[in-house]
């Protein structure tokens, strides 16, 4: 009996097509307030960008979240008044809408400081690999180290790269 193997990062290069069509959205404070589900994962300093479930899974989960927020909101009308549905739609429905939109067109939510960085293509590549089906960070960075080095990206001594950027550290790992 054969065991299903994890998707290969280097095989079909599905992520390259995803990266070409990917939309980059600045993860501003306003966006985090509008879609609170994006705020928590972006708190980590090592997070440069994030993506939501792609394809049919994202569409299905997005629709389910939006429907469930409506149902929960309806159930909250009696005990909480108008505040219940508003909170339900804001907290759950906005996450569903973002997931639905991200499933229609691959979207990377990137921290504002990183959208102007020259390493943005590396961030996009990283997120595209995740969207192609590779969930483990270790596998993504192993793949990225086959294509990028600190020297190839001219990172050492570059004053425009933030001192807290995790990309140089991850590329230097072996």
N, C-alpha and C. Protein backbone atom coordinates (compact mmCIF):
# COMPACT_ATOMS: atom_id res chain seq x y z
N UNK A 1 0.84 -1.17 0.00
CA UNK A 1 0.00 0.00 0.00
C UNK A 1 0.89 1.24 0.00
N UNK A 2 0.64 2.17 -0.94
CA UNK A 2 1.43 3.38 -1.04
C UNK A 2 0.87 4.45 -0.11
N UNK A 3 1.77 5.18 0.50
CA UNK A 3 1.39 6.30 1.36
C UNK A 3 1.38 7.56 0.50
N UNK A 4 0.41 8.42 0.71
CA UNK A 4 0.38 9.68 -0.01
C UNK A 4 1.51 10.56 0.49
N UNK A 5 2.24 11.11 -0.43
CA UNK A 5 3.35 11.96 -0.03
C UNK A 5 2.93 13.42 -0.06
N UNK A 6 3.66 14.22 0.67
CA UNK A 6 3.38 15.65 0.70
C UNK A 6 3.71 16.25 -0.66
N UNK A 7 3.02 17.34 -1.03
CA UNK A 7 3.30 17.95 -2.31
C UNK A 7 4.76 18.36 -2.42
N UNK A 8 5.36 18.12 -3.56
CA UNK A 8 6.75 18.49 -3.78
C UNK A 8 6.82 19.95 -4.18
N UNK A 9 7.69 20.68 -3.52
CA UNK A 9 7.82 22.10 -3.79
C UNK A 9 8.46 22.33 -5.14
N UNK A 10 9.37 21.49 -5.53
CA UNK A 10 10.13 21.72 -6.75
C UNK A 10 9.57 21.01 -7.97
N UNK A 11 8.57 20.15 -7.83
CA UNK A 11 8.14 19.33 -8.95
C UNK A 11 7.41 20.12 -10.03
N UNK A 12 6.17 20.45 -9.84
CA UNK A 12 5.36 21.02 -10.91
C UNK A 12 5.50 22.54 -11.02
N UNK A 13 6.07 23.15 -10.04
CA UNK A 13 6.22 24.61 -10.03
C UNK A 13 4.87 25.33 -10.10
N UNK A 14 3.87 24.70 -9.49
CA UNK A 14 2.55 25.33 -9.45
C UNK A 14 2.63 26.70 -8.78
N UNK A 15 3.51 26.81 -7.83
CA UNK A 15 3.61 28.07 -7.08
C UNK A 15 4.05 29.22 -7.97
N UNK A 16 4.81 28.94 -9.04
CA UNK A 16 5.25 30.03 -9.92
C UNK A 16 4.05 30.68 -10.60
N UNK A 17 3.11 29.85 -11.05
CA UNK A 17 1.89 30.39 -11.67
C UNK A 17 1.07 31.16 -10.64
N UNK A 18 1.02 30.64 -9.44
CA UNK A 18 0.28 31.33 -8.37
C UNK A 18 0.93 32.68 -8.08
N UNK A 19 2.26 32.70 -7.99
CA UNK A 19 2.97 33.94 -7.68
C UNK A 19 2.75 35.00 -8.76
N UNK A 20 2.71 34.57 -10.03
CA UNK A 20 2.49 35.53 -11.12
C UNK A 20 1.12 36.19 -11.02
N UNK A 21 0.11 35.45 -10.61
CA UNK A 21 -1.24 35.99 -10.53
C UNK A 21 -1.64 36.51 -9.16
N UNK A 22 -0.70 36.49 -8.22
CA UNK A 22 -1.02 36.86 -6.84
C UNK A 22 -1.20 38.36 -6.67
N UNK A 23 -2.22 38.70 -5.91
CA UNK A 23 -2.46 40.08 -5.53
C UNK A 23 -1.81 40.30 -4.16
N UNK A 24 -1.14 41.43 -4.00
CA UNK A 24 -0.53 41.78 -2.72
C UNK A 24 -1.35 42.91 -2.11
N UNK A 25 -1.82 42.68 -0.88
CA UNK A 25 -2.63 43.66 -0.17
C UNK A 25 -1.88 44.08 1.08
N UNK A 26 -1.76 45.40 1.27
CA UNK A 26 -1.10 45.92 2.48
C UNK A 26 -1.96 45.60 3.69
N UNK A 27 -1.35 45.00 4.69
CA UNK A 27 -2.04 44.62 5.91
C UNK A 27 -2.02 45.80 6.88
N UNK A 28 -2.81 46.81 6.57
CA UNK A 28 -2.84 48.03 7.37
C UNK A 28 -3.67 47.82 8.64
N UNK A 29 -3.56 48.75 9.54
CA UNK A 29 -4.35 48.70 10.78
C UNK A 29 -5.84 48.77 10.44
N UNK A 30 -6.18 49.59 9.47
CA UNK A 30 -7.59 49.70 9.05
C UNK A 30 -8.12 48.36 8.57
N UNK A 31 -7.34 47.65 7.76
CA UNK A 31 -7.76 46.34 7.27
C UNK A 31 -7.88 45.34 8.42
N UNK A 32 -6.96 45.41 9.38
CA UNK A 32 -7.01 44.51 10.53
C UNK A 32 -8.23 44.80 11.40
N UNK A 33 -8.66 46.05 11.46
CA UNK A 33 -9.87 46.39 12.21
C UNK A 33 -11.11 45.91 11.45
N UNK A 34 -11.09 46.07 10.13
CA UNK A 34 -12.22 45.62 9.32
C UNK A 34 -12.35 44.10 9.28
N UNK A 35 -11.21 43.40 9.27
CA UNK A 35 -11.18 41.93 9.24
C UNK A 35 -10.32 41.47 10.42
N UNK A 36 -10.89 41.39 11.61
CA UNK A 36 -10.11 41.06 12.81
C UNK A 36 -9.37 39.72 12.71
N UNK A 37 -9.84 38.79 11.90
CA UNK A 37 -9.17 37.49 11.76
C UNK A 37 -7.77 37.63 11.16
N UNK A 38 -7.47 38.75 10.51
CA UNK A 38 -6.14 38.97 9.96
C UNK A 38 -5.18 39.55 10.99
N UNK A 39 -5.71 40.09 12.08
CA UNK A 39 -4.87 40.77 13.07
C UNK A 39 -4.03 39.79 13.89
N UNK A 40 -4.63 38.74 14.37
CA UNK A 40 -3.92 37.80 15.26
C UNK A 40 -2.72 37.13 14.58
N UNK A 41 -2.87 36.55 13.39
CA UNK A 41 -1.70 35.91 12.78
C UNK A 41 -0.59 36.88 12.40
N UNK A 42 -0.92 38.15 12.28
CA UNK A 42 0.10 39.12 11.87
C UNK A 42 0.85 39.73 13.05
N UNK A 43 0.52 39.34 14.28
CA UNK A 43 1.19 39.90 15.45
C UNK A 43 2.65 39.50 15.56
N UNK A 44 2.98 38.30 15.10
CA UNK A 44 4.35 37.81 15.21
C UNK A 44 5.30 38.66 14.38
N UNK A 45 6.46 39.00 14.96
CA UNK A 45 7.46 39.78 14.23
C UNK A 45 8.00 39.02 13.03
N UNK A 46 8.00 37.69 13.11
CA UNK A 46 8.57 36.91 12.01
C UNK A 46 7.60 36.75 10.84
N UNK A 47 6.36 37.17 11.02
CA UNK A 47 5.39 37.10 9.94
C UNK A 47 5.54 38.31 9.04
N UNK A 48 5.84 38.08 7.79
CA UNK A 48 5.94 39.15 6.81
C UNK A 48 4.66 39.22 5.99
N UNK A 49 4.08 38.07 5.73
CA UNK A 49 2.85 38.01 4.94
C UNK A 49 2.04 36.80 5.35
N UNK A 50 0.78 36.80 4.97
CA UNK A 50 -0.06 35.64 5.25
C UNK A 50 -1.07 35.47 4.13
N UNK A 51 -1.50 34.25 3.97
CA UNK A 51 -2.51 33.92 2.98
C UNK A 51 -3.59 33.08 3.64
N UNK A 52 -4.74 33.03 3.00
CA UNK A 52 -5.84 32.23 3.50
C UNK A 52 -6.02 31.03 2.59
N UNK A 53 -6.89 30.11 2.97
CA UNK A 53 -7.08 28.88 2.20
C UNK A 53 -7.38 29.18 0.73
N UNK A 54 -6.69 28.51 -0.18
CA UNK A 54 -6.91 28.75 -1.61
C UNK A 54 -7.99 27.85 -2.20
N UNK A 55 -8.37 28.14 -3.43
CA UNK A 55 -9.21 27.27 -4.23
C UNK A 55 -10.57 26.95 -3.64
N UNK A 56 -11.04 25.75 -3.95
CA UNK A 56 -12.37 25.33 -3.53
C UNK A 56 -12.51 25.28 -2.01
N UNK A 57 -11.44 24.90 -1.34
CA UNK A 57 -11.48 24.86 0.12
C UNK A 57 -11.76 26.26 0.67
N UNK A 58 -11.05 27.25 0.16
CA UNK A 58 -11.26 28.63 0.60
C UNK A 58 -12.64 29.13 0.27
N UNK A 59 -13.12 28.79 -0.93
CA UNK A 59 -14.48 29.20 -1.31
C UNK A 59 -15.50 28.60 -0.35
N UNK A 60 -15.38 27.30 -0.10
CA UNK A 60 -16.33 26.62 0.77
C UNK A 60 -16.27 27.16 2.20
N UNK A 61 -15.06 27.29 2.73
CA UNK A 61 -14.93 27.81 4.10
C UNK A 61 -15.42 29.25 4.20
N UNK A 62 -15.12 30.05 3.18
CA UNK A 62 -15.58 31.44 3.18
C UNK A 62 -17.10 31.53 3.20
N UNK A 63 -17.74 30.74 2.35
CA UNK A 63 -19.21 30.73 2.31
C UNK A 63 -19.77 30.24 3.64
N UNK A 64 -19.18 29.16 4.18
CA UNK A 64 -19.66 28.64 5.46
C UNK A 64 -19.52 29.67 6.58
N UNK A 65 -18.41 30.38 6.61
CA UNK A 65 -18.22 31.41 7.64
C UNK A 65 -19.23 32.55 7.47
N UNK A 66 -19.45 32.97 6.23
CA UNK A 66 -20.41 34.05 6.03
C UNK A 66 -21.83 33.61 6.41
N UNK A 67 -22.23 32.39 6.00
CA UNK A 67 -23.55 31.88 6.36
C UNK A 67 -23.69 31.71 7.87
N UNK A 68 -22.66 31.14 8.49
CA UNK A 68 -22.74 30.92 9.94
C UNK A 68 -22.78 32.24 10.69
N UNK A 69 -22.09 33.27 10.19
CA UNK A 69 -22.16 34.56 10.88
C UNK A 69 -23.56 35.14 10.80
N UNK A 70 -24.24 34.92 9.67
CA UNK A 70 -25.63 35.37 9.54
C UNK A 70 -26.56 34.63 10.48
N UNK A 71 -26.38 33.31 10.56
CA UNK A 71 -27.22 32.49 11.45
C UNK A 71 -26.97 32.85 12.91
N UNK A 72 -25.71 32.95 13.28
CA UNK A 72 -25.37 33.31 14.67
C UNK A 72 -25.90 34.70 14.99
N UNK A 73 -25.75 35.63 14.04
CA UNK A 73 -26.27 36.98 14.24
C UNK A 73 -27.77 36.98 14.45
N UNK A 74 -28.48 36.19 13.66
CA UNK A 74 -29.94 36.07 13.81
C UNK A 74 -30.29 35.53 15.20
N UNK A 75 -29.55 34.53 15.66
CA UNK A 75 -29.82 33.94 16.98
C UNK A 75 -29.48 34.91 18.12
N UNK A 76 -28.60 35.85 17.85
CA UNK A 76 -28.20 36.80 18.89
C UNK A 76 -29.09 38.04 18.97
N UNK A 77 -30.02 38.19 18.03
CA UNK A 77 -30.87 39.37 18.04
C UNK A 77 -31.66 39.48 19.34
N UNK A 78 -32.28 38.39 19.75
CA UNK A 78 -33.11 38.44 20.97
C UNK A 78 -32.29 38.78 22.22
N UNK A 79 -31.18 38.08 22.49
CA UNK A 79 -30.47 38.40 23.73
C UNK A 79 -29.58 39.64 23.66
N UNK A 80 -29.08 40.00 22.49
CA UNK A 80 -28.10 41.10 22.42
C UNK A 80 -28.58 42.29 21.61
N UNK A 81 -29.75 42.20 21.02
CA UNK A 81 -30.24 43.29 20.18
C UNK A 81 -29.45 43.37 18.88
N UNK A 82 -29.38 44.56 18.33
CA UNK A 82 -28.70 44.76 17.05
C UNK A 82 -27.19 44.54 17.15
N UNK A 83 -26.64 44.67 18.35
CA UNK A 83 -25.20 44.49 18.54
C UNK A 83 -24.75 43.06 18.23
N UNK A 84 -25.58 42.08 18.54
CA UNK A 84 -25.23 40.67 18.29
C UNK A 84 -24.95 40.39 16.82
N UNK A 85 -25.90 40.73 15.92
CA UNK A 85 -25.64 40.48 14.50
C UNK A 85 -24.47 41.28 13.96
N UNK A 86 -24.34 42.51 14.42
CA UNK A 86 -23.23 43.35 13.94
C UNK A 86 -21.89 42.72 14.33
N UNK A 87 -21.77 42.31 15.59
CA UNK A 87 -20.52 41.67 16.03
C UNK A 87 -20.28 40.35 15.29
N UNK A 88 -21.31 39.57 15.08
CA UNK A 88 -21.17 38.30 14.38
C UNK A 88 -20.70 38.52 12.95
N UNK A 89 -21.33 39.46 12.27
CA UNK A 89 -20.93 39.74 10.89
C UNK A 89 -19.52 40.30 10.82
N UNK A 90 -19.16 41.14 11.79
CA UNK A 90 -17.83 41.74 11.80
C UNK A 90 -16.75 40.70 12.11
N UNK A 91 -16.94 39.93 13.16
CA UNK A 91 -15.90 39.00 13.59
C UNK A 91 -15.81 37.74 12.72
N UNK A 92 -16.95 37.19 12.34
CA UNK A 92 -16.94 35.93 11.58
C UNK A 92 -17.16 36.17 10.09
N UNK A 93 -18.13 36.99 9.77
CA UNK A 93 -18.46 37.24 8.37
C UNK A 93 -17.35 37.90 7.58
N UNK A 94 -16.64 38.83 8.23
CA UNK A 94 -15.54 39.50 7.51
C UNK A 94 -14.42 38.51 7.20
N UNK A 95 -14.16 37.57 8.09
CA UNK A 95 -13.16 36.53 7.83
C UNK A 95 -13.60 35.67 6.66
N UNK A 96 -14.87 35.32 6.62
CA UNK A 96 -15.40 34.53 5.52
C UNK A 96 -15.31 35.27 4.19
N UNK A 97 -15.62 36.55 4.21
CA UNK A 97 -15.54 37.35 2.98
C UNK A 97 -14.10 37.45 2.49
N UNK A 98 -13.16 37.66 3.41
CA UNK A 98 -11.74 37.72 3.03
C UNK A 98 -11.28 36.38 2.47
N UNK A 99 -11.70 35.30 3.09
CA UNK A 99 -11.32 33.97 2.63
C UNK A 99 -11.92 33.69 1.25
N UNK A 100 -13.17 34.07 1.06
CA UNK A 100 -13.83 33.87 -0.23
C UNK A 100 -13.10 34.66 -1.32
N UNK A 101 -12.81 35.93 -1.05
CA UNK A 101 -12.11 36.76 -2.04
C UNK A 101 -10.71 36.23 -2.33
N UNK A 102 -10.01 35.77 -1.28
CA UNK A 102 -8.67 35.22 -1.46
C UNK A 102 -8.67 33.91 -2.23
N UNK A 103 -9.78 33.19 -2.19
CA UNK A 103 -9.88 31.94 -2.95
C UNK A 103 -10.14 32.21 -4.42
N UNK A 104 -10.81 33.31 -4.73
CA UNK A 104 -11.08 33.66 -6.13
C UNK A 104 -9.82 34.13 -6.84
N UNK A 105 -9.00 34.92 -6.16
CA UNK A 105 -7.73 35.40 -6.70
C UNK A 105 -6.71 35.28 -5.58
N UNK A 106 -5.63 34.50 -5.79
CA UNK A 106 -4.64 34.34 -4.72
C UNK A 106 -4.20 35.70 -4.18
N UNK A 107 -4.27 35.83 -2.87
CA UNK A 107 -3.97 37.10 -2.22
C UNK A 107 -3.00 36.89 -1.08
N UNK A 108 -1.97 37.72 -1.04
CA UNK A 108 -1.04 37.73 0.09
C UNK A 108 -1.25 39.03 0.85
N UNK A 109 -1.55 38.91 2.12
CA UNK A 109 -1.66 40.08 2.98
C UNK A 109 -0.28 40.31 3.58
N UNK A 110 0.33 41.45 3.24
CA UNK A 110 1.72 41.71 3.59
C UNK A 110 1.79 42.95 4.47
N UNK A 111 2.63 42.87 5.50
CA UNK A 111 2.79 44.01 6.41
C UNK A 111 3.21 45.25 5.62
N UNK A 112 2.71 46.42 6.01
CA UNK A 112 2.97 47.64 5.23
C UNK A 112 4.45 47.92 4.99
N UNK A 113 5.29 47.71 5.98
CA UNK A 113 6.71 48.00 5.82
C UNK A 113 7.34 47.11 4.75
N UNK A 114 6.76 45.93 4.54
CA UNK A 114 7.32 44.97 3.59
C UNK A 114 6.84 45.18 2.16
N UNK A 115 5.76 45.92 1.97
CA UNK A 115 5.24 46.10 0.62
C UNK A 115 6.17 46.98 -0.22
N UNK A 116 6.99 47.79 0.43
CA UNK A 116 7.94 48.64 -0.30
C UNK A 116 9.35 48.03 -0.31
N UNK A 117 9.52 46.89 0.33
CA UNK A 117 10.84 46.27 0.44
C UNK A 117 11.21 45.57 -0.87
N UNK A 118 12.48 45.55 -1.17
CA UNK A 118 12.93 44.86 -2.38
C UNK A 118 12.86 43.34 -2.23
N UNK A 119 12.62 42.84 -1.01
CA UNK A 119 12.45 41.40 -0.80
C UNK A 119 10.99 40.96 -0.96
N UNK A 120 10.11 41.87 -1.40
CA UNK A 120 8.71 41.51 -1.61
C UNK A 120 8.55 40.31 -2.54
N UNK A 121 9.32 40.18 -3.62
CA UNK A 121 9.19 38.98 -4.46
C UNK A 121 9.49 37.68 -3.69
N UNK A 122 10.39 37.73 -2.73
CA UNK A 122 10.70 36.55 -1.92
C UNK A 122 9.51 36.24 -1.02
N UNK A 123 8.88 37.26 -0.47
CA UNK A 123 7.69 37.07 0.36
C UNK A 123 6.56 36.49 -0.47
N UNK A 124 6.36 37.02 -1.67
CA UNK A 124 5.32 36.49 -2.57
C UNK A 124 5.59 35.03 -2.91
N UNK A 125 6.84 34.71 -3.20
CA UNK A 125 7.20 33.33 -3.53
C UNK A 125 6.89 32.41 -2.36
N UNK A 126 7.25 32.85 -1.17
CA UNK A 126 7.00 32.07 0.05
C UNK A 126 5.51 31.78 0.20
N UNK A 127 4.69 32.81 0.07
CA UNK A 127 3.24 32.64 0.22
C UNK A 127 2.66 31.79 -0.91
N UNK A 128 3.19 31.94 -2.12
CA UNK A 128 2.71 31.14 -3.26
C UNK A 128 3.01 29.66 -3.05
N UNK A 129 4.14 29.34 -2.46
CA UNK A 129 4.47 27.95 -2.17
C UNK A 129 3.47 27.38 -1.18
N UNK A 130 3.14 28.17 -0.16
CA UNK A 130 2.10 27.72 0.78
C UNK A 130 0.78 27.49 0.06
N UNK A 131 0.39 28.40 -0.82
CA UNK A 131 -0.87 28.26 -1.54
C UNK A 131 -0.88 27.07 -2.49
N UNK A 132 0.30 26.63 -2.90
CA UNK A 132 0.36 25.47 -3.81
C UNK A 132 0.16 24.16 -3.06
N UNK A 133 0.06 24.22 -1.73
CA UNK A 133 -0.24 23.01 -0.96
C UNK A 133 0.83 22.59 0.01
N UNK A 134 1.89 23.35 0.15
CA UNK A 134 2.95 22.99 1.09
C UNK A 134 2.70 23.77 2.38
N UNK A 135 2.34 23.06 3.43
CA UNK A 135 1.94 23.71 4.68
C UNK A 135 3.13 23.95 5.62
N UNK A 136 4.11 23.10 5.59
CA UNK A 136 5.20 23.17 6.58
C UNK A 136 6.22 24.26 6.21
N UNK A 137 6.48 25.13 7.20
CA UNK A 137 7.46 26.20 7.02
C UNK A 137 8.83 25.65 6.66
N UNK A 138 9.22 24.57 7.32
CA UNK A 138 10.54 23.99 7.07
C UNK A 138 10.70 23.61 5.60
N UNK A 139 9.69 22.98 5.03
CA UNK A 139 9.75 22.56 3.62
C UNK A 139 9.80 23.77 2.69
N UNK A 140 9.05 24.80 3.03
CA UNK A 140 9.05 26.01 2.20
C UNK A 140 10.43 26.65 2.20
N UNK A 141 11.03 26.79 3.39
CA UNK A 141 12.34 27.44 3.47
C UNK A 141 13.45 26.57 2.86
N UNK A 142 13.34 25.25 2.97
CA UNK A 142 14.31 24.39 2.30
C UNK A 142 14.26 24.62 0.80
N UNK A 143 13.08 24.72 0.27
CA UNK A 143 12.91 24.99 -1.16
C UNK A 143 13.46 26.36 -1.54
N UNK A 144 13.19 27.34 -0.73
CA UNK A 144 13.64 28.69 -1.04
C UNK A 144 15.15 28.80 -1.00
N UNK A 145 15.77 28.04 -0.10
CA UNK A 145 17.24 28.07 -0.01
C UNK A 145 17.90 27.43 -1.24
N UNK A 146 17.14 26.63 -2.02
CA UNK A 146 17.71 26.07 -3.25
C UNK A 146 17.78 27.13 -4.35
N UNK A 147 17.00 28.20 -4.22
CA UNK A 147 16.97 29.25 -5.24
C UNK A 147 17.59 30.56 -4.79
N UNK A 148 17.65 30.79 -3.49
CA UNK A 148 18.14 32.08 -2.99
C UNK A 148 19.22 31.87 -1.94
N UNK A 149 20.17 32.77 -1.94
CA UNK A 149 21.16 32.84 -0.86
C UNK A 149 21.25 34.30 -0.43
N UNK A 150 21.90 34.52 0.70
CA UNK A 150 22.10 35.90 1.15
C UNK A 150 22.86 36.69 0.08
N UNK A 151 23.84 36.04 -0.52
CA UNK A 151 24.68 36.72 -1.52
C UNK A 151 23.92 36.98 -2.81
N UNK A 152 23.12 36.00 -3.25
CA UNK A 152 22.39 36.19 -4.51
C UNK A 152 21.36 37.33 -4.39
N UNK A 153 20.88 37.56 -3.21
CA UNK A 153 19.93 38.65 -2.98
C UNK A 153 20.64 39.94 -2.51
N UNK A 154 21.97 39.89 -2.40
CA UNK A 154 22.78 41.04 -1.96
C UNK A 154 22.29 41.61 -0.63
N UNK A 155 22.03 40.71 0.31
CA UNK A 155 21.49 41.13 1.61
C UNK A 155 22.59 41.62 2.57
N UNK A 156 23.75 40.93 2.66
CA UNK A 156 24.74 41.39 3.64
C UNK A 156 25.15 42.85 3.39
N UNK A 157 25.03 43.64 4.43
CA UNK A 157 25.44 45.04 4.36
C UNK A 157 24.41 45.98 3.74
N UNK A 158 23.26 45.47 3.36
CA UNK A 158 22.24 46.33 2.76
C UNK A 158 21.48 47.04 3.88
N UNK A 159 21.64 48.37 3.98
CA UNK A 159 20.99 49.11 5.06
C UNK A 159 19.48 49.24 4.87
N UNK A 160 18.96 48.92 3.69
CA UNK A 160 17.52 49.05 3.47
C UNK A 160 16.75 47.84 3.99
N UNK A 161 17.45 46.75 4.31
CA UNK A 161 16.78 45.57 4.87
C UNK A 161 16.65 45.79 6.37
N UNK A 162 15.43 45.65 6.88
CA UNK A 162 15.18 45.86 8.31
C UNK A 162 16.00 44.88 9.15
N UNK A 163 16.49 45.35 10.27
CA UNK A 163 17.30 44.49 11.15
C UNK A 163 16.48 43.34 11.74
N UNK A 164 15.17 43.49 11.82
CA UNK A 164 14.32 42.45 12.39
C UNK A 164 13.73 41.53 11.32
N UNK A 165 14.08 41.73 10.05
CA UNK A 165 13.54 40.90 8.97
C UNK A 165 13.98 39.45 9.14
N UNK A 166 13.05 38.50 9.12
CA UNK A 166 13.40 37.10 9.30
C UNK A 166 13.98 36.43 8.05
N UNK A 167 13.86 37.04 6.90
CA UNK A 167 14.29 36.41 5.66
C UNK A 167 15.80 36.12 5.65
N UNK A 168 16.67 37.08 6.00
CA UNK A 168 18.11 36.76 6.01
C UNK A 168 18.45 35.62 6.97
N UNK A 169 17.82 35.61 8.13
CA UNK A 169 18.08 34.55 9.12
C UNK A 169 17.66 33.20 8.56
N UNK A 170 16.49 33.14 7.95
CA UNK A 170 15.99 31.87 7.40
C UNK A 170 16.85 31.39 6.24
N UNK A 171 17.32 32.30 5.40
CA UNK A 171 18.16 31.90 4.28
C UNK A 171 19.53 31.42 4.74
N UNK A 172 19.99 31.94 5.86
CA UNK A 172 21.30 31.55 6.39
C UNK A 172 21.28 30.20 7.10
N UNK A 173 20.10 29.75 7.52
CA UNK A 173 19.99 28.46 8.21
C UNK A 173 20.39 27.33 7.27
N UNK A 174 21.02 26.33 7.82
CA UNK A 174 21.38 25.13 7.03
C UNK A 174 21.10 23.91 7.81
